[in-house]
């Protein structure tokens, strides 16, 4: 783990309990006098705390040092992803987070199952755990939109991954990816004027494979 997340990191005194307490003092068995590095994932600062007291359920840490980190100059990539089985989304998110996707807009498309619900609390926890492991300094932005019309009202410029699209791409910062079964004919009509991109494969990719492929090609 590259650091520990705590939303209160930056305060002079930090009280540690629950999951972070179990990790630091049950799993890692840290002692009074040792230091721990924290981030709050809102700023670019790495905070170093000294362990002052360890109780049965809580520990008290004092800020010792803070150091602003230099962010790698990465491209921004916004994925607009038609909703698929949330279990697949949850398992794919850590990889997209590691690759450096800056934002995901989940949208219910015509072929999305309407009973699929994204648990935003679970998503945030997954992204925090991933950031702690890979060292990412910010939280990926997440939103859920009701339909493609809402996407087109909010975002006026995005590429669309679809069969027959260009395989030699222009500069892309936002991309729409369909769900299993692709886009409906009605959606294709609404997307007629959008810039279409494709992949150099004759194979049919799953939605999550497409998301990972697009992110990898554009960011790594």
Protein backbone atom coordinates (compact mmCIF):
# COMPACT_ATOMS: atom_id res chain seq x y z
CA UNK A 1 0.00 0.00 0.00
CA UNK A 2 1.48 3.36 -1.09
CA UNK A 3 -0.39 5.43 1.52
CA UNK A 4 -3.47 5.28 3.75
CA UNK A 5 -6.59 7.26 2.86
CA UNK A 6 -8.29 9.40 5.48
CA UNK A 7 -10.61 12.25 4.58
CA UNK A 8 -9.28 14.21 7.57
CA UNK A 9 -5.62 13.93 6.60
CA UNK A 10 -4.10 17.47 6.90
CA UNK A 11 -5.42 18.06 10.44
CA UNK A 12 -2.86 18.42 13.24
CA UNK A 13 -4.34 15.47 15.16
CA UNK A 14 -5.80 12.44 13.43
CA UNK A 15 -7.98 9.86 15.16
CA UNK A 16 -7.78 6.42 13.55
CA UNK A 17 -10.53 3.84 14.03
CA UNK A 18 -12.56 1.13 12.28
CA UNK A 19 -11.05 -0.19 9.04
CA UNK A 20 -7.87 1.91 9.12
CA UNK A 21 -7.32 0.97 12.77
CA UNK A 22 -7.61 -2.73 11.95
CA UNK A 23 -5.26 -2.40 8.99
CA UNK A 24 -2.57 -0.36 10.76
CA UNK A 25 -2.60 -1.93 14.21
CA UNK A 26 -3.98 -5.45 13.70
CA UNK A 27 -2.61 -6.31 10.25
CA UNK A 28 0.59 -4.20 10.09
CA UNK A 29 1.06 -4.16 13.89
CA UNK A 30 2.48 -0.63 13.96
CA UNK A 31 3.66 0.73 17.30
CA UNK A 32 3.81 4.07 19.11
CA UNK A 33 6.65 6.17 17.70
CA UNK A 34 6.33 4.87 14.13
CA UNK A 35 5.10 7.04 11.26
CA UNK A 36 2.38 6.53 8.64
CA UNK A 37 1.82 8.37 5.35
CA UNK A 38 -1.71 9.54 4.52
CA UNK A 39 -3.56 11.26 1.67
CA UNK A 40 -7.03 12.79 1.61
CA UNK A 41 -7.34 12.46 -2.23
CA UNK A 42 -8.44 16.10 -2.48
CA UNK A 43 -5.03 17.74 -2.72
CA UNK A 44 -1.59 16.64 -3.93
CA UNK A 45 -0.06 16.53 -0.45
CA UNK A 46 1.43 13.48 1.27
CA UNK A 47 0.96 13.82 5.05
CA UNK A 48 3.25 12.01 7.49
CA UNK A 49 1.84 11.30 10.96
CA UNK A 50 3.52 10.06 14.11
CA UNK A 51 1.67 7.45 16.17
CA UNK A 52 1.29 8.94 19.68
CA UNK A 53 -1.20 6.64 21.36
CA UNK A 54 -2.88 3.31 20.55
CA UNK A 55 -6.08 2.43 22.40
CA UNK A 56 -8.26 -0.67 22.17
CA UNK A 57 -10.41 0.76 19.36
CA UNK A 58 -8.77 4.07 18.40
CA UNK A 59 -5.33 5.55 17.90
CA UNK A 60 -4.14 9.15 18.01
CA UNK A 61 -1.63 10.43 15.45
CA UNK A 62 0.08 13.83 15.19
CA UNK A 63 1.11 15.54 11.95
CA UNK A 64 4.89 15.51 11.50
CA UNK A 65 5.46 16.52 7.90
CA UNK A 66 3.68 17.31 4.67
CA UNK A 67 5.06 17.25 1.18
CA UNK A 68 3.40 18.37 -2.03
CA UNK A 69 3.68 15.72 -4.71
CA UNK A 70 4.37 16.41 -8.36
CA UNK A 71 1.64 14.98 -10.54
CA UNK A 72 2.61 13.15 -13.70
CA UNK A 73 1.25 15.12 -16.65
CA UNK A 74 -1.33 12.60 -17.82
CA UNK A 75 -4.02 13.08 -20.43
CA UNK A 76 -7.59 13.39 -19.24
CA UNK A 77 -9.95 10.67 -20.43
CA UNK A 78 -13.70 10.70 -19.82
CA UNK A 79 -15.45 7.39 -20.49
CA UNK A 80 -19.20 7.40 -21.05
CA UNK A 81 -20.05 3.78 -20.37
CA UNK A 82 -23.44 2.17 -21.00
CA UNK A 83 -24.36 0.28 -17.85
CA UNK A 84 -23.65 -3.45 -17.71
CA UNK A 85 -23.75 -5.92 -14.82
CA UNK A 86 -22.49 -3.93 -11.78
CA UNK A 87 -20.39 -6.89 -10.64
CA UNK A 88 -18.39 -6.60 -13.87
CA UNK A 89 -18.12 -2.83 -13.47
CA UNK A 90 -16.83 -3.20 -9.90
CA UNK A 91 -14.15 -5.70 -10.98
CA UNK A 92 -13.03 -3.48 -13.89
CA UNK A 93 -12.88 -0.16 -12.01
CA UNK A 94 -9.53 -0.78 -10.25
CA UNK A 95 -7.84 -1.37 -13.62
CA UNK A 96 -9.35 1.76 -15.18
CA UNK A 97 -8.29 3.67 -12.09
CA UNK A 98 -4.70 2.41 -12.38
CA UNK A 99 -4.58 3.30 -16.09
CA UNK A 100 -5.58 6.87 -15.20
CA UNK A 101 -9.15 7.41 -16.43
CA UNK A 102 -10.23 10.76 -15.01
CA UNK A 103 -14.02 10.40 -15.14
CA UNK A 104 -16.70 7.82 -15.90
CA UNK A 105 -20.31 8.68 -16.71
CA UNK A 106 -22.45 5.56 -16.42
CA UNK A 107 -25.56 5.77 -18.60
CA UNK A 108 -28.58 3.56 -19.13
CA UNK A 109 -28.66 2.77 -22.86
CA UNK A 110 -31.45 0.96 -24.70
CA UNK A 111 -29.83 -2.44 -24.15
CA UNK A 112 -28.86 -1.85 -20.53
CA UNK A 113 -30.93 -3.84 -18.05
CA UNK A 114 -32.89 -1.28 -16.06
CA UNK A 115 -32.69 -3.36 -12.88
CA UNK A 116 -28.92 -2.83 -12.79
CA UNK A 117 -28.11 -0.26 -10.10
CA UNK A 118 -24.69 1.26 -9.46
CA UNK A 119 -23.83 1.47 -5.76
CA UNK A 120 -21.91 4.76 -5.64
CA UNK A 121 -20.74 4.12 -2.08
CA UNK A 122 -19.21 0.82 -3.16
CA UNK A 123 -17.66 2.49 -6.20
CA UNK A 124 -15.96 5.11 -4.03
CA UNK A 125 -14.60 2.44 -1.69
CA UNK A 126 -13.22 0.46 -4.65
CA UNK A 127 -11.53 3.57 -6.05
CA UNK A 128 -10.04 4.52 -2.67
CA UNK A 129 -8.61 1.03 -2.19
CA UNK A 130 -7.21 1.09 -5.73
CA UNK A 131 -5.65 4.54 -5.20
CA UNK A 132 -3.96 3.36 -2.00
CA UNK A 133 -2.47 0.41 -3.87
CA UNK A 134 -1.33 2.17 -7.06
CA UNK A 135 -0.44 5.58 -5.56
CA UNK A 136 -3.02 7.63 -7.45
CA UNK A 137 -3.41 11.05 -5.78
CA UNK A 138 -6.99 11.90 -6.74
CA UNK A 139 -10.38 10.23 -6.91
CA UNK A 140 -11.87 9.41 -10.28
CA UNK A 141 -15.05 11.42 -10.88
CA UNK A 142 -18.21 9.28 -11.18
CA UNK A 143 -21.77 10.08 -12.25
CA UNK A 144 -24.87 8.16 -13.38
CA UNK A 145 -27.09 9.48 -16.18
CA UNK A 146 -30.56 8.23 -17.08
CA UNK A 147 -30.28 7.92 -20.85
CA UNK A 148 -28.38 8.86 -24.00
CA UNK A 149 -30.40 12.06 -24.42
CA UNK A 150 -29.08 13.27 -21.06
CA UNK A 151 -25.53 12.52 -22.22
CA UNK A 152 -26.01 14.49 -25.44
CA UNK A 153 -27.47 17.45 -23.55
CA UNK A 154 -24.60 17.55 -21.08
CA UNK A 155 -21.68 16.70 -23.40
CA UNK A 156 -21.57 18.07 -26.92
CA UNK A 157 -18.35 16.41 -28.05
CA UNK A 158 -17.39 12.76 -27.63
CA UNK A 159 -16.23 9.91 -29.80
CA UNK A 160 -18.28 6.73 -30.16
CA UNK A 161 -16.71 3.28 -30.21
CA UNK A 162 -18.63 1.30 -32.83
CA UNK A 163 -18.09 -1.18 -35.63
CA UNK A 164 -16.83 0.46 -38.80
CA UNK A 165 -15.32 3.45 -37.04
CA UNK A 166 -11.93 5.01 -37.80
CA UNK A 167 -8.97 2.97 -36.57
CA UNK A 168 -6.56 5.89 -37.00
CA UNK A 169 -7.86 8.21 -34.33
CA UNK A 170 -7.86 11.94 -33.91
CA UNK A 171 -7.24 13.45 -30.45
CA UNK A 172 -9.86 11.96 -28.11
CA UNK A 173 -10.66 13.06 -24.57
CA UNK A 174 -14.16 11.57 -24.24
CA UNK A 175 -15.57 8.31 -25.57
CA UNK A 176 -18.94 6.53 -25.45
CA UNK A 177 -18.83 2.74 -25.06
CA UNK A 178 -21.92 0.59 -25.56
CA UNK A 179 -23.19 -2.25 -23.40
CA UNK A 180 -23.49 -5.93 -24.36
CA UNK A 181 -25.16 -6.14 -27.77
CA UNK A 182 -23.99 -2.68 -28.79
CA UNK A 183 -26.16 0.31 -29.64
CA UNK A 184 -29.77 0.07 -30.77
CA UNK A 185 -30.78 1.42 -34.19
CA UNK A 186 -32.49 4.38 -32.51
CA UNK A 187 -29.28 5.22 -30.66
CA UNK A 188 -27.22 4.91 -33.83
CA UNK A 189 -29.52 7.41 -35.52
CA UNK A 190 -29.08 9.89 -32.66
CA UNK A 191 -25.31 9.39 -32.86
CA UNK A 192 -25.04 9.81 -36.64
CA UNK A 193 -23.06 13.04 -36.46
CA UNK A 194 -20.66 11.82 -33.72
CA UNK A 195 -17.07 10.92 -34.50
CA UNK A 196 -16.86 7.10 -34.76
CA UNK A 197 -13.79 5.12 -33.77
CA UNK A 198 -13.07 1.42 -34.14
CA UNK A 199 -10.49 -1.17 -33.15
CA UNK A 200 -8.21 -3.22 -35.39
CA UNK A 201 -9.83 -6.55 -34.63
CA UNK A 202 -12.47 -8.70 -36.21
CA UNK A 203 -13.41 -10.15 -32.83
CA UNK A 204 -16.36 -9.06 -30.72
CA UNK A 205 -15.16 -7.52 -27.46
CA UNK A 206 -17.06 -7.43 -24.22
CA UNK A 207 -18.01 -3.98 -22.99
CA UNK A 208 -15.43 -4.02 -20.16
CA UNK A 209 -12.70 -5.19 -22.57
CA UNK A 210 -13.54 -2.27 -24.84
CA UNK A 211 -13.31 0.17 -21.92
CA UNK A 212 -9.91 -1.17 -20.87
CA UNK A 213 -8.64 -1.19 -24.46
CA UNK A 214 -9.69 2.41 -25.12
CA UNK A 215 -8.17 3.61 -21.83
CA UNK A 216 -4.91 1.76 -22.49
CA UNK A 217 -4.54 3.02 -26.06
CA UNK A 218 -5.18 6.63 -25.08
CA UNK A 219 -3.42 6.92 -21.73
CA UNK A 220 -0.51 4.48 -21.58
